[in-house]
Amino acid sequence: GVLRTPPAGTGSLDRRAPAPVLVPY
């Protein structure tokens, strides 16, 4: 789904899973 992203070294992405109770949503 990514088409254009910032130049290398200028940004960062982090992801985290939600609490188990929230997984359905």
PDB file of all heavy atoms in Angstrom:
ATOM      1  N   GLY A   1       0.786  -1.224   0.000  1.00  0.00           N
ATOM      2  CA  GLY A   1       0.000   0.000   0.000  1.00  0.00           C
ATOM      3  C   GLY A   1       0.817   1.272   0.000  1.00  0.00           C
ATOM      4  O   GLY A   1       0.260   2.362  -0.118  1.00  0.00           O
ATOM      5  N   VAL A   2       2.136   1.146   0.124  1.00  0.00           N
ATOM      6  CA  VAL A   2       2.978   2.334   0.137  1.00  0.00           C
ATOM      7  C   VAL A   2       3.343   2.743  -1.286  1.00  0.00           C
ATOM      8  O   VAL A   2       3.727   1.922  -2.092  1.00  0.00           O
ATOM      9  CB  VAL A   2       4.255   2.066   0.948  1.00  0.00           C
ATOM     10  CG1 VAL A   2       5.409   2.924   0.491  1.00  0.00           C
ATOM     11  CG2 VAL A   2       3.977   2.344   2.389  1.00  0.00           C
ATOM     12  N   LEU A   3       3.218   4.032  -1.571  1.00  0.00           N
ATOM     13  CA  LEU A   3       3.582   4.526  -2.896  1.00  0.00           C
ATOM     14  C   LEU A   3       4.731   5.519  -2.834  1.00  0.00           C
ATOM     15  O   LEU A   3       5.613   5.496  -3.671  1.00  0.00           O
ATOM     16  CB  LEU A   3       2.359   5.191  -3.559  1.00  0.00           C
ATOM     17  CG  LEU A   3       1.100   4.321  -3.655  1.00  0.00           C
ATOM     18  CD1 LEU A   3      -0.008   5.102  -4.341  1.00  0.00           C
ATOM     19  CD2 LEU A   3       1.378   3.026  -4.383  1.00  0.00           C
ATOM     20  N   ARG A   4       4.726   6.409  -1.875  1.00  0.00           N
ATOM     21  CA  ARG A   4       5.802   7.390  -1.722  1.00  0.00           C
ATOM     22  C   ARG A   4       6.129   7.543  -0.247  1.00  0.00           C
ATOM     23  O   ARG A   4       5.232   7.752   0.568  1.00  0.00           O
ATOM     24  CB  ARG A   4       5.385   8.762  -2.274  1.00  0.00           C
ATOM     25  CG  ARG A   4       4.995   8.763  -3.742  1.00  0.00           C
ATOM     26  CD  ARG A   4       6.201   8.593  -4.642  1.00  0.00           C
ATOM     27  NE  ARG A   4       5.816   8.612  -6.046  1.00  0.00           N
ATOM     28  CZ  ARG A   4       6.535   8.068  -7.027  1.00  0.00           C
ATOM     29  NH1 ARG A   4       7.666   7.462  -6.742  1.00  0.00           N
ATOM     30  NH2 ARG A   4       6.138   8.123  -8.266  1.00  0.00           N
ATOM     31  N   THR A   5       7.395   7.461   0.101  1.00  0.00           N
ATOM     32  CA  THR A   5       7.818   7.606   1.489  1.00  0.00           C
ATOM     33  C   THR A   5       8.970   8.602   1.574  1.00  0.00           C
ATOM     34  O   THR A   5       9.623   8.889   0.577  1.00  0.00           O
ATOM     35  CB  THR A   5       8.262   6.265   2.064  1.00  0.00           C
ATOM     36  OG1 THR A   5       9.284   5.727   1.232  1.00  0.00           O
ATOM     37  CG2 THR A   5       7.099   5.291   2.125  1.00  0.00           C
ATOM     38  N   PRO A   6       9.235   9.149   2.772  1.00  0.00           N
ATOM     39  CA  PRO A   6      10.318  10.129   2.907  1.00  0.00           C
ATOM     40  C   PRO A   6      11.675   9.523   2.557  1.00  0.00           C
ATOM     41  O   PRO A   6      11.846   8.300   2.589  1.00  0.00           O
ATOM     42  CB  PRO A   6      10.258  10.514   4.389  1.00  0.00           C
ATOM     43  CG  PRO A   6       8.878  10.174   4.821  1.00  0.00           C
ATOM     44  CD  PRO A   6       8.498   8.965   4.023  1.00  0.00           C
ATOM     45  N   PRO A   7      12.646  10.360   2.213  1.00  0.00           N
ATOM     46  CA  PRO A   7      13.996   9.861   1.911  1.00  0.00           C
ATOM     47  C   PRO A   7      14.571   9.068   3.077  1.00  0.00           C
ATOM     48  O   PRO A   7      14.248   9.319   4.243  1.00  0.00           O
ATOM     49  CB  PRO A   7      14.800  11.149   1.666  1.00  0.00           C
ATOM     50  CG  PRO A   7      13.779  12.172   1.290  1.00  0.00           C
ATOM     51  CD  PRO A   7      12.544  11.823   2.066  1.00  0.00           C
ATOM     52  N   ALA A   8      15.415   8.104   2.762  1.00  0.00           N
ATOM     53  CA  ALA A   8      16.028   7.261   3.792  1.00  0.00           C
ATOM     54  C   ALA A   8      16.757   8.124   4.819  1.00  0.00           C
ATOM     55  O   ALA A   8      17.426   9.100   4.473  1.00  0.00           O
ATOM     56  CB  ALA A   8      16.998   6.272   3.149  1.00  0.00           C
ATOM     57  N   GLY A   9      16.597   7.754   6.091  1.00  0.00           N
ATOM     58  CA  GLY A   9      17.293   8.460   7.156  1.00  0.00           C
ATOM     59  C   GLY A   9      16.578   9.676   7.688  1.00  0.00           C
ATOM     60  O   GLY A   9      17.078  10.342   8.594  1.00  0.00           O
ATOM     61  N   THR A  10      15.384   9.990   7.138  1.00  0.00           N
ATOM     62  CA  THR A  10      14.665  11.186   7.591  1.00  0.00           C
ATOM     63  C   THR A  10      13.412  10.844   8.390  1.00  0.00           C
ATOM     64  O   THR A  10      12.713  11.747   8.848  1.00  0.00           O
ATOM     65  CB  THR A  10      14.266  12.080   6.409  1.00  0.00           C
ATOM     66  OG1 THR A  10      13.353  11.365   5.564  1.00  0.00           O
ATOM     67  CG2 THR A  10      15.487  12.499   5.614  1.00  0.00           C
ATOM     68  N   GLY A  11      13.117   9.566   8.563  1.00  0.00           N
ATOM     69  CA  GLY A  11      11.911   9.192   9.296  1.00  0.00           C
ATOM     70  C   GLY A  11      12.018   7.813   9.894  1.00  0.00           C
ATOM     71  O   GLY A  11      12.943   7.057   9.605  1.00  0.00           O
ATOM     72  N   SER A  12      11.069   7.489  10.762  1.00  0.00           N
ATOM     73  CA  SER A  12      11.039   6.171  11.381  1.00  0.00           C
ATOM     74  C   SER A  12       9.595   5.751  11.599  1.00  0.00           C
ATOM     75  O   SER A  12       8.695   6.579  11.763  1.00  0.00           O
ATOM     76  CB  SER A  12      11.776   6.174  12.726  1.00  0.00           C
ATOM     77  OG  SER A  12      11.124   7.028  13.651  1.00  0.00           O
ATOM     78  N   LEU A  13       9.389   4.447  11.580  1.00  0.00           N
ATOM     79  CA  LEU A  13       8.076   3.859  11.812  1.00  0.00           C
ATOM     80  C   LEU A  13       8.182   2.844  12.940  1.00  0.00           C
ATOM     81  O   LEU A  13       9.098   2.032  12.960  1.00  0.00           O
ATOM     82  CB  LEU A  13       7.573   3.152  10.545  1.00  0.00           C
ATOM     83  CG  LEU A  13       6.404   2.175  10.737  1.00  0.00           C
ATOM     84  CD1 LEU A  13       5.126   2.923  11.047  1.00  0.00           C
ATOM     85  CD2 LEU A  13       6.235   1.305   9.501  1.00  0.00           C
ATOM     86  N   ASP A  14       7.251   2.908  13.897  1.00  0.00           N
ATOM     87  CA  ASP A  14       7.166   1.903  14.957  1.00  0.00           C
ATOM     88  C   ASP A  14       5.733   1.396  15.023  1.00  0.00           C
ATOM     89  O   ASP A  14       4.780   2.174  14.834  1.00  0.00           O
ATOM     90  CB  ASP A  14       7.544   2.496  16.322  1.00  0.00           C
ATOM     91  CG  ASP A  14       9.031   2.730  16.455  1.00  0.00           C
ATOM     92  OD1 ASP A  14       9.793   1.745  16.363  1.00  0.00           O
ATOM     93  OD2 ASP A  14       9.427   3.896  16.632  1.00  0.00           O
ATOM     94  N   ARG A  15       5.590   0.113  15.299  1.00  0.00           N
ATOM     95  CA  ARG A  15       4.270  -0.475  15.494  1.00  0.00           C
ATOM     96  C   ARG A  15       4.250  -1.271  16.786  1.00  0.00           C
ATOM     97  O   ARG A  15       5.257  -1.834  17.187  1.00  0.00           O
ATOM     98  CB  ARG A  15       3.909  -1.395  14.326  1.00  0.00           C
ATOM     99  CG  ARG A  15       3.526  -0.653  13.057  1.00  0.00           C
ATOM    100  CD  ARG A  15       3.190  -1.657  11.967  1.00  0.00           C
ATOM    101  NE  ARG A  15       2.713  -0.977  10.773  1.00  0.00           N
ATOM    102  CZ  ARG A  15       2.479  -1.582   9.623  1.00  0.00           C
ATOM    103  NH1 ARG A  15       2.693  -2.879   9.514  1.00  0.00           N
ATOM    104  NH2 ARG A  15       2.043  -0.904   8.590  1.00  0.00           N
ATOM    105  N   ARG A  16       3.074  -1.313  17.391  1.00  0.00           N
ATOM    106  CA  ARG A  16       2.891  -2.104  18.594  1.00  0.00           C
ATOM    107  C   ARG A  16       1.536  -2.813  18.528  1.00  0.00           C
ATOM    108  O   ARG A  16       0.562  -2.262  18.015  1.00  0.00           O
ATOM    109  CB  ARG A  16       2.927  -1.227  19.857  1.00  0.00           C
ATOM    110  CG  ARG A  16       4.261  -0.580  20.138  1.00  0.00           C
ATOM    111  CD  ARG A  16       5.342  -1.586  20.492  1.00  0.00           C
ATOM    112  NE  ARG A  16       6.596  -0.945  20.842  1.00  0.00           N
ATOM    113  CZ  ARG A  16       7.535  -0.600  19.961  1.00  0.00           C
ATOM    114  NH1 ARG A  16       7.348  -0.825  18.666  1.00  0.00           N
ATOM    115  NH2 ARG A  16       8.660  -0.028  20.365  1.00  0.00           N
ATOM    116  N   ALA A  17       1.477  -4.021  19.066  1.00  0.00           N
ATOM    117  CA  ALA A  17       0.215  -4.742  19.162  1.00  0.00           C
ATOM    118  C   ALA A  17      -0.621  -4.152  20.297  1.00  0.00           C
ATOM    119  O   ALA A  17      -0.080  -3.680  21.295  1.00  0.00           O
ATOM    120  CB  ALA A  17       0.475  -6.223  19.404  1.00  0.00           C
ATOM    121  N   PRO A  18      -1.947  -4.197  20.185  1.00  0.00           N
ATOM    122  CA  PRO A  18      -2.797  -3.693  21.262  1.00  0.00           C
ATOM    123  C   PRO A  18      -2.910  -4.704  22.387  1.00  0.00           C
ATOM    124  O   PRO A  18      -2.471  -5.857  22.266  1.00  0.00           O
ATOM    125  CB  PRO A  18      -4.149  -3.513  20.559  1.00  0.00           C
ATOM    126  CG  PRO A  18      -4.158  -4.615  19.535  1.00  0.00           C
ATOM    127  CD  PRO A  18      -2.726  -4.686  19.041  1.00  0.00           C
ATOM    128  N   ALA A  19      -3.517  -4.300  23.492  1.00  0.00           N
ATOM    129  CA  ALA A  19      -3.822  -5.227  24.577  1.00  0.00           C
ATOM    130  C   ALA A  19      -4.707  -6.352  24.040  1.00  0.00           C
ATOM    131  O   ALA A  19      -5.547  -6.118  23.165  1.00  0.00           O
ATOM    132  CB  ALA A  19      -4.531  -4.494  25.710  1.00  0.00           C
ATOM    133  N   PRO A  20      -4.536  -7.585  24.551  1.00  0.00           N
ATOM    134  CA  PRO A  20      -5.303  -8.726  24.017  1.00  0.00           C
ATOM    135  C   PRO A  20      -6.803  -8.499  23.969  1.00  0.00           C
ATOM    136  O   PRO A  20      -7.473  -8.956  23.036  1.00  0.00           O
ATOM    137  CB  PRO A  20      -4.927  -9.856  24.978  1.00  0.00           C
ATOM    138  CG  PRO A  20      -3.554  -9.503  25.453  1.00  0.00           C
ATOM    139  CD  PRO A  20      -3.554  -8.000  25.564  1.00  0.00           C
ATOM    140  N   VAL A  21      -7.357  -7.786  24.942  1.00  0.00           N
ATOM    141  CA  VAL A  21      -8.798  -7.565  24.970  1.00  0.00           C
ATOM    142  C   VAL A  21      -9.267  -6.737  23.780  1.00  0.00           C
ATOM    143  O   VAL A  21     -10.446  -6.793  23.391  1.00  0.00           O
ATOM    144  CB  VAL A  21      -9.207  -6.890  26.306  1.00  0.00           C
ATOM    145  CG1 VAL A  21      -8.704  -5.457  26.363  1.00  0.00           C
ATOM    146  CG2 VAL A  21     -10.720  -6.947  26.500  1.00  0.00           C
ATOM    147  N   LEU A  22      -8.372  -5.979  23.157  1.00  0.00           N
ATOM    148  CA  LEU A  22      -8.733  -5.111  22.036  1.00  0.00           C
ATOM    149  C   LEU A  22      -8.533  -5.764  20.672  1.00  0.00           C
ATOM    150  O   LEU A  22      -8.903  -5.183  19.649  1.00  0.00           O
ATOM    151  CB  LEU A  22      -7.905  -3.820  22.088  1.00  0.00           C
ATOM    152  CG  LEU A  22      -8.196  -2.889  23.258  1.00  0.00           C
ATOM    153  CD1 LEU A  22      -7.168  -1.761  23.311  1.00  0.00           C
ATOM    154  CD2 LEU A  22      -9.609  -2.311  23.151  1.00  0.00           C
ATOM    155  N   VAL A  23      -7.961  -6.966  20.648  1.00  0.00           N
ATOM    156  CA  VAL A  23      -7.612  -7.604  19.369  1.00  0.00           C
ATOM    157  C   VAL A  23      -8.789  -7.729  18.401  1.00  0.00           C
ATOM    158  O   VAL A  23      -8.605  -7.562  17.193  1.00  0.00           O
ATOM    159  CB  VAL A  23      -6.955  -8.975  19.628  1.00  0.00           C
ATOM    160  CG1 VAL A  23      -6.854  -9.793  18.343  1.00  0.00           C
ATOM    161  CG2 VAL A  23      -5.558  -8.771  20.220  1.00  0.00           C
ATOM    162  N   PRO A  24     -10.031  -7.989  18.854  1.00  0.00           N
ATOM    163  CA  PRO A  24     -11.117  -8.046  17.869  1.00  0.00           C
ATOM    164  C   PRO A  24     -11.368  -6.721  17.150  1.00  0.00           C
ATOM    165  O   PRO A  24     -11.934  -6.708  16.063  1.00  0.00           O
ATOM    166  CB  PRO A  24     -12.335  -8.436  18.712  1.00  0.00           C
ATOM    167  CG  PRO A  24     -11.768  -9.093  19.921  1.00  0.00           C
ATOM    168  CD  PRO A  24     -10.488  -8.353  20.193  1.00  0.00           C
ATOM    169  N   TYR A  25     -10.925  -5.612  17.755  1.00  0.00           N
ATOM    170  CA  TYR A  25     -11.238  -4.295  17.218  1.00  0.00           C
ATOM    171  C   TYR A  25     -10.026  -3.545  16.669  1.00  0.00           C
ATOM    172  O   TYR A  25     -10.174  -2.687  15.798  1.00  0.00           O
ATOM    173  CB  TYR A  25     -11.876  -3.430  18.320  1.00  0.00           C
ATOM    174  CG  TYR A  25     -13.020  -4.097  19.029  1.00  0.00           C
ATOM    175  CD1 TYR A  25     -12.890  -4.562  20.331  1.00  0.00           C
ATOM    176  CD2 TYR A  25     -14.239  -4.293  18.384  1.00  0.00           C
ATOM    177  CE1 TYR A  25     -13.938  -5.194  20.987  1.00  0.00           C
ATOM    178  CE2 TYR A  25     -15.296  -4.918  19.025  1.00  0.00           C
ATOM    179  CZ  TYR A  25     -15.133  -5.372  20.323  1.00  0.00           C
ATOM    180  OH  TYR A  25     -16.175  -6.004  20.953  1.00  0.00           O
TER     181      TYR A  25
END
